[in-house]
Protein backbone atom coordinates (compact mmCIF):
# COMPACT_ATOMS: atom_id res chain seq x y z
CA MET A 1 -30.88 -10.93 70.90
CA PHE A 2 -28.78 -8.04 70.68
CA TYR A 3 -26.83 -5.95 73.79
CA HIS A 4 -25.05 -3.19 73.31
CA VAL A 5 -21.28 -2.60 74.92
CA LYS A 6 -20.75 1.13 75.79
CA GLU A 7 -16.94 0.55 74.83
CA LEU A 8 -16.00 0.90 71.08
CA GLN A 9 -14.23 -1.47 69.12
CA PHE A 10 -11.69 0.69 68.14
CA ASN A 11 -10.43 3.64 70.22
CA ALA A 12 -12.02 6.59 68.09
CA ARG A 13 -10.36 9.53 68.92
CA VAL A 14 -10.05 13.23 67.29
CA SER A 15 -7.22 15.76 67.58
CA GLN A 16 -9.81 19.22 67.12
CA PRO A 17 -13.09 19.84 65.59
CA ASP A 18 -13.29 19.37 61.68
CA PRO A 19 -16.81 19.72 60.56
CA ARG A 20 -16.02 19.64 56.79
CA PHE A 21 -14.09 15.90 57.29
CA ALA A 22 -17.28 14.96 59.49
CA ARG A 23 -19.61 15.87 56.08
CA MET A 24 -17.58 14.05 54.19
CA MET A 25 -17.42 10.78 57.02
CA LEU A 26 -21.10 10.49 56.79
CA GLU A 27 -20.36 8.67 53.40
CA ALA A 28 -19.29 5.93 55.79
CA PHE A 29 -22.15 6.40 58.23
CA GLY A 30 -25.10 6.74 55.64
CA GLY A 31 -24.24 6.12 52.43
CA LYS A 32 -24.52 3.57 49.65
CA ASP A 33 -21.17 1.44 50.90
CA GLY A 34 -21.06 2.80 54.40
CA GLU A 35 -21.44 0.60 57.37
CA LEU A 36 -25.03 0.25 57.87
CA LYS A 37 -25.77 -0.99 54.49
CA SER A 38 -22.97 -3.65 55.31
CA ALA A 39 -24.65 -4.34 58.43
CA MET A 40 -28.26 -4.55 56.98
CA GLN A 41 -27.08 -6.63 54.00
CA TYR A 42 -25.35 -9.55 55.96
CA PHE A 43 -28.15 -9.45 58.61
CA VAL A 44 -30.76 -9.67 56.06
CA GLN A 45 -28.80 -12.13 54.01
CA ALA A 46 -28.40 -14.68 56.87
CA PHE A 47 -32.11 -15.69 57.44
CA SER A 48 -32.01 -17.53 54.49
CA CYS A 49 -28.90 -19.38 55.81
CA HIS A 50 -29.88 -20.12 59.12
CA ASN A 51 -30.99 -23.98 58.63
CA PRO A 52 -29.17 -24.99 55.73
CA PHE A 53 -25.78 -23.09 56.37
CA PRO A 54 -25.69 -22.90 60.45
CA LYS A 55 -21.92 -22.06 59.96
CA HIS A 56 -22.75 -19.39 56.87
CA TYR A 57 -25.86 -18.16 59.26
CA ASP A 58 -23.36 -17.29 61.96
CA MET A 59 -20.55 -15.95 59.95
CA LEU A 60 -23.00 -13.32 58.52
CA MET A 61 -24.58 -12.10 61.88
CA ASP A 62 -21.20 -11.85 63.67
CA ILE A 63 -19.82 -10.03 60.84
CA ALA A 64 -23.21 -7.59 60.43
CA ALA A 65 -22.87 -7.23 64.29
CA GLU A 66 -19.41 -6.25 63.79
CA GLU A 67 -20.84 -3.55 61.06
CA LEU A 68 -22.60 -2.34 63.94
CA ALA A 69 -19.56 -1.37 65.80
CA HIS A 70 -18.55 0.22 63.10
CA LEU A 71 -21.06 1.99 62.48
CA GLU A 72 -20.77 3.16 65.89
CA ILE A 73 -17.20 4.04 65.65
CA VAL A 74 -17.76 6.40 62.21
CA GLY A 75 -20.79 8.31 64.14
CA ALA A 76 -18.70 8.41 67.16
CA THR A 77 -15.87 10.24 65.09
CA ILE A 78 -18.17 12.29 63.27
CA HIS A 79 -19.80 13.95 66.56
CA MET A 80 -16.52 14.49 67.79
CA LEU A 81 -15.41 16.19 64.80
CA LEU A 82 -18.12 18.56 64.85
CA GLY A 83 -16.77 19.51 67.71
CA PRO A 84 -19.06 22.00 70.46
CA VAL A 85 -22.24 22.58 67.65
CA ASN A 86 -24.86 20.90 70.14
CA ALA A 87 -23.93 23.41 73.19
CA ARG A 88 -23.86 26.51 70.95
CA MET A 89 -27.42 25.78 68.99
CA LYS A 90 -28.76 25.03 73.06
CA ASP A 91 -27.37 27.86 73.76
CA ALA A 92 -29.66 30.42 72.09
CA VAL A 93 -29.58 33.72 74.24
CA ASN A 94 -25.88 34.28 74.79
CA ASP A 95 -23.60 36.23 71.66
CA MET A 96 -21.69 33.41 70.31
CA PRO A 97 -20.55 32.83 66.99
CA ILE A 98 -23.34 30.84 65.88
CA ASN A 99 -25.83 32.99 67.14
CA ARG A 100 -23.84 35.90 65.22
CA MET A 101 -24.22 34.24 61.91
CA MET A 102 -27.99 35.63 62.02
CA GLU A 103 -26.75 39.15 61.82
CA GLY A 104 -26.83 39.28 58.52
CA LYS A 105 -27.24 37.02 55.00
CA THR A 106 -23.48 37.46 53.90
CA SER A 107 -21.91 36.19 57.35
CA LYS A 108 -24.59 33.42 57.88
CA GLU A 109 -23.62 32.35 54.24
CA GLU A 110 -20.19 32.64 55.15
CA PHE A 111 -20.53 30.50 58.64
CA ILE A 112 -22.35 27.33 57.04
CA HIS A 113 -20.07 27.19 53.75
CA GLU A 114 -16.28 28.11 55.26
CA ALA A 115 -17.27 26.59 59.15
CA TYR A 116 -19.97 23.79 58.85
CA THR A 117 -20.16 23.29 55.06
CA ASN A 118 -23.21 20.89 55.61
CA PRO A 119 -26.42 23.36 57.10
CA GLN A 120 -27.99 19.81 58.07
CA PHE A 121 -25.62 19.58 61.12
CA LEU A 122 -27.02 22.73 61.98
CA LEU A 123 -30.66 23.05 61.21
CA VAL A 124 -31.47 19.06 61.32
CA SER A 125 -28.99 17.27 63.94
CA ALA A 126 -27.70 20.01 65.70
CA GLY A 127 -23.95 17.95 65.56
CA GLY A 128 -25.32 14.78 65.57
CA PRO A 129 -24.56 11.97 62.44
CA MET A 130 -27.49 11.45 59.87
CA LEU A 131 -27.90 8.15 58.31
CA THR A 132 -27.85 10.40 55.18
CA ASP A 133 -24.54 10.35 52.79
CA SER A 134 -22.27 13.35 52.36
CA ASN A 135 -24.31 14.97 49.93
CA GLY A 136 -27.00 14.80 52.28
CA ASN A 137 -29.24 11.95 50.49
CA PRO A 138 -31.09 9.85 52.45
CA TRP A 139 -30.10 6.20 53.34
CA CYS A 140 -31.83 3.51 51.19
CA GLY A 141 -32.78 0.26 51.78
CA SER A 142 -32.45 -0.37 48.29
CA TYR A 143 -28.69 -0.57 48.86
CA VAL A 144 -29.17 -3.84 50.44
CA SER A 145 -28.22 -7.08 47.92
CA ALA A 146 -29.50 -9.91 49.21
CA ASN A 147 -31.23 -13.21 46.61
CA SER A 148 -31.32 -15.79 49.03
CA ASP A 149 -28.59 -17.57 46.84
CA LEU A 150 -25.61 -17.64 49.35
CA THR A 151 -23.02 -17.74 46.35
CA VAL A 152 -24.26 -14.67 44.72
CA ASP A 153 -24.50 -13.07 48.54
CA LEU A 154 -20.98 -13.47 49.02
CA ARG A 155 -19.70 -12.30 45.76
CA SER A 156 -21.98 -8.95 46.66
CA ASN A 157 -20.13 -8.86 49.78
CA MET A 158 -16.38 -9.26 48.38
CA ALA A 159 -17.36 -6.32 46.16
CA GLY A 160 -19.37 -4.27 48.95
CA GLU A 161 -16.03 -4.81 51.43
CA SER A 162 -13.97 -3.57 48.00
CA ARG A 163 -15.78 -0.67 47.72
CA ALA A 164 -15.86 0.59 51.23
CA LYS A 165 -11.85 -0.49 51.54
CA ILE A 166 -11.18 2.06 48.75
CA GLY A 167 -14.05 4.46 50.21
CA TYR A 168 -11.99 4.90 53.07
CA GLU A 169 -8.47 4.72 51.28
CA TYR A 170 -9.69 8.16 49.65
CA LEU A 171 -10.94 9.91 53.02
CA MET A 172 -7.55 9.35 54.00
CA PRO A 173 -5.75 12.69 51.83
CA PHE A 174 -8.34 14.96 53.19
CA THR A 175 -7.55 14.54 57.10
CA ASP A 176 -4.61 15.57 58.82
CA ASP A 177 -5.74 14.33 62.27
CA PRO A 178 -3.09 11.56 62.99
CA TYR A 179 -6.22 10.22 65.31
CA VAL A 180 -8.91 10.20 62.41
CA LYS A 181 -6.35 8.40 60.48
CA GLU A 182 -5.72 5.54 62.85
CA THR A 183 -9.57 5.24 63.06
CA LEU A 184 -9.75 5.33 59.34
CA GLY A 185 -6.73 2.82 59.24
CA PHE A 186 -8.38 0.37 61.86
CA LEU A 187 -11.69 0.20 58.92
CA MET A 188 -10.23 0.11 55.97
CA THR A 189 -8.00 -3.13 57.46
CA ARG A 190 -11.32 -4.67 58.63
CA GLU A 191 -13.05 -4.45 55.27
CA VAL A 192 -9.96 -6.57 54.04
CA THR A 193 -10.24 -9.01 56.78
CA HIS A 194 -13.91 -9.22 55.76
CA TYR A 195 -13.51 -9.53 52.09
CA GLN A 196 -11.12 -12.78 52.77
CA GLN A 197 -13.81 -14.42 55.25
CA PHE A 198 -16.48 -14.11 52.42
CA GLU A 199 -13.79 -15.44 49.79
CA ALA A 200 -13.41 -18.24 52.34
CA ALA A 201 -17.14 -18.95 52.85
CA LEU A 202 -17.88 -19.05 48.93
CA GLU A 203 -15.40 -21.98 48.78
CA THR A 204 -16.98 -24.04 51.09
CA ILE A 205 -20.01 -24.22 48.65
CA GLN A 206 -18.93 -26.64 45.54
CA PRO A 207 -19.71 -26.27 42.71
CA ASN A 208 -20.16 -22.31 43.21
CA PHE A 209 -19.64 -21.31 39.80
CA PRO A 210 -21.67 -20.14 37.50
CA PRO A 211 -23.58 -18.57 40.81
CA GLY A 212 -26.97 -19.84 41.44
CA VAL A 213 -27.71 -23.42 40.40
CA LEU A 214 -28.63 -23.45 36.46
CA GLN A 215 -25.37 -24.10 34.15
CA THR A 216 -24.60 -22.19 30.47
CA SER A 217 -24.57 -23.04 27.42
CA PRO A 218 -21.61 -23.77 25.86
CA LYS A 219 -22.57 -21.77 22.93
CA TYR A 220 -22.55 -18.54 24.07
CA SER A 221 -19.69 -19.11 27.35
CA ASN A 222 -16.34 -18.40 25.81
CA LEU A 223 -17.59 -15.69 23.12
CA TYR A 224 -15.72 -12.48 23.12
CA PHE A 225 -17.42 -9.98 20.64
CA ASP A 226 -15.20 -6.80 19.65
CA MET A 227 -17.83 -4.31 19.43
CA SER A 228 -15.26 -1.46 19.46
CA LYS A 229 -13.54 0.00 16.00
CA GLY A 230 -10.18 1.13 16.29
CA GLY A 231 -7.96 -2.09 16.57
CA GLU A 232 -8.26 -4.99 18.40
CA CYS A 233 -7.25 -5.46 21.84
CA ARG A 234 -6.51 -8.78 23.49
CA GLY A 235 -5.94 -9.70 26.96
CA PRO A 236 -6.52 -13.09 29.22
CA TRP A 237 -10.17 -11.78 28.99
CA ASN A 238 -10.53 -12.40 25.23
CA GLN A 239 -7.35 -14.92 24.43
CA GLY A 240 -6.49 -18.14 25.99
CA ARG A 241 -8.53 -20.38 28.55
CA SER A 242 -11.30 -19.01 30.81
CA THR A 243 -10.41 -18.44 34.23
CA ARG A 244 -13.30 -21.04 35.67
CA LEU A 245 -14.80 -23.13 32.78
CA ASP A 246 -11.26 -23.76 31.31
CA GLU A 247 -12.97 -23.13 27.53
CA GLU A 248 -10.74 -21.08 24.73
CA TRP A 249 -12.08 -17.71 24.04
CA GLN A 250 -13.58 -17.29 20.72
CA TYR A 251 -13.05 -14.48 19.29
CA ILE A 252 -15.36 -12.74 17.11
CA GLU A 253 -13.93 -10.07 15.01
CA LYS A 254 -16.80 -8.95 13.18
CA PRO A 255 -19.65 -9.07 15.36
CA LEU A 256 -22.67 -8.24 12.99
CA GLN A 257 -21.82 -10.39 10.36
CA THR A 258 -21.17 -13.69 12.60
CA VAL A 259 -25.10 -12.66 14.33
CA VAL A 260 -26.41 -12.37 10.58
CA GLU A 261 -24.88 -15.72 9.21
CA THR A 262 -26.02 -17.71 12.74
CA ASN A 263 -29.38 -16.45 12.51
CA GLY A 264 -29.13 -14.69 15.99
CA LEU A 265 -26.34 -16.73 17.38
CA THR A 266 -28.97 -19.32 17.28
CA ASP A 267 -27.35 -21.84 14.65
CA ILE A 268 -23.85 -21.12 15.85
CA GLU A 269 -21.61 -24.36 17.09
CA PRO A 270 -19.77 -24.36 19.97
CA LYS A 271 -15.76 -24.32 20.05
CA GLY A 272 -13.40 -24.18 22.14
CA THR A 273 -15.05 -25.87 25.37
CA HIS A 274 -15.06 -29.69 26.56
CA ARG A 275 -18.82 -28.87 27.66
CA THR A 276 -21.82 -30.46 26.02
CA GLU A 277 -25.73 -29.26 25.91
CA GLU A 278 -26.19 -32.84 27.28
CA GLU A 279 -24.02 -32.48 30.24
CA VAL A 280 -25.16 -28.81 31.02
CA ARG A 281 -28.84 -30.27 31.49
CA SER A 282 -27.38 -33.32 33.62
CA THR A 283 -25.96 -31.26 35.72
CA ASP A 284 -28.99 -28.74 35.82
CA LYS A 285 -31.06 -31.55 37.07
CA LYS A 286 -28.21 -33.38 39.35
CA LEU A 287 -27.46 -29.57 40.87
CA SER A 288 -31.20 -28.77 41.36
CA LYS A 289 -32.38 -32.08 43.18
CA GLU A 290 -29.05 -31.74 45.00
CA ARG A 291 -29.49 -27.93 46.33
CA SER A 292 -33.18 -28.43 46.58
CA LYS A 293 -33.00 -31.13 48.92
CA GLN A 294 -30.19 -29.71 50.82
CA ILE A 295 -33.15 -26.71 51.55
CA LYS A 296 -35.96 -29.32 52.41
CA ASN A 297 -34.17 -31.02 54.57
CA ALA A 298 -33.45 -28.46 56.77
CA ASN A 299 -36.53 -26.88 57.16
CA ALA A 300 -39.30 -28.17 58.93
CA ASP A 301 -42.84 -28.11 57.20
CA LYS A 302 -44.59 -27.66 60.41
CA ASP A 303 -44.14 -26.92 64.17
CA MET A 304 -41.39 -24.65 63.24
CA TYR A 305 -39.03 -22.60 65.45
CA TRP A 306 -36.14 -20.72 64.92
CA CYS A 307 -34.04 -21.40 68.13
CA ASP A 308 -33.90 -24.82 70.22
CA TYR A 309 -33.59 -22.99 74.05
CA ASP A 310 -33.34 -26.92 75.90
CA THR A 311 -30.40 -26.89 74.28
CA HIS A 312 -28.89 -23.58 74.41
CA LYS A 313 -30.01 -24.07 78.36
CA THR A 314 -27.89 -26.97 78.77
CA LYS A 315 -24.98 -25.64 77.39
CA THR A 316 -25.22 -22.43 79.40
CA ALA A 317 -25.68 -24.86 82.59
CA ASP A 318 -22.94 -26.98 81.43
CA VAL A 319 -20.60 -23.60 81.37
CA SER A 320 -21.44 -22.11 84.68
CA ALA A 321 -21.09 -25.61 86.47
CA ASN A 322 -17.09 -25.23 85.09
């Protein structure tokens, strides 16, 4: 159940209309890394968490709701940046600038290009935000990433918050409006907040690496193939020990030769790792059983219900009594 509070989470303001920047802000409204995408992604991800991970379900729903609040902030800002476009579109008789653009092809094109930039603001939304990116591409459900494995979904969310944060950072130099900059700064900051929340939530699920349940083969997990000519470049990604599995990186300087000599890597022997294939299979079985049991115990086979209204009724009565 949702209800709407008319006051914005952040006091969005603009100093004066700026239709060009309004178009740019559409990226945060209906773009692939915008607020609607985030809200829908966390909303969809939450369903698979409802029973086995109720605390994570609560977190995802809370942040999804906040993302909708951010969508409202962005939409309100876009509308204010567009200024009196809607009023002018409704004034179809008086001799106003938006009507005079129809006097000739040159003036019309100049008006659209220089004053409003995006003709859809005139022809489709008449001064309101649209569920498109800054180039007019419609919002698409394929932007949403949700695969019912919480360790994977949380990592997707961290990446999404990172992209959204840098998106606001890229927007800032294109406006001189101090009020709009304040709004962008608030939204950017909340992306970093959400990143940390998802990161903390990920750490509550152990083990959480590798993502999912099945482990990885020690024959291939620490191999680095030098696929470039012109000198080797070394760093912590191909020398020393790996960050999560604590294996020693094996630098394959001649990938083709190695592939041929090992029959397409099928005969390669694991090196620099403490893990064995037997340990991997044992962990696969143990973790698969544990995660499966966790899900089964949290879901009934019949007479299923999503909410316990009696419990909620009791809690509400207790609060009212106090």
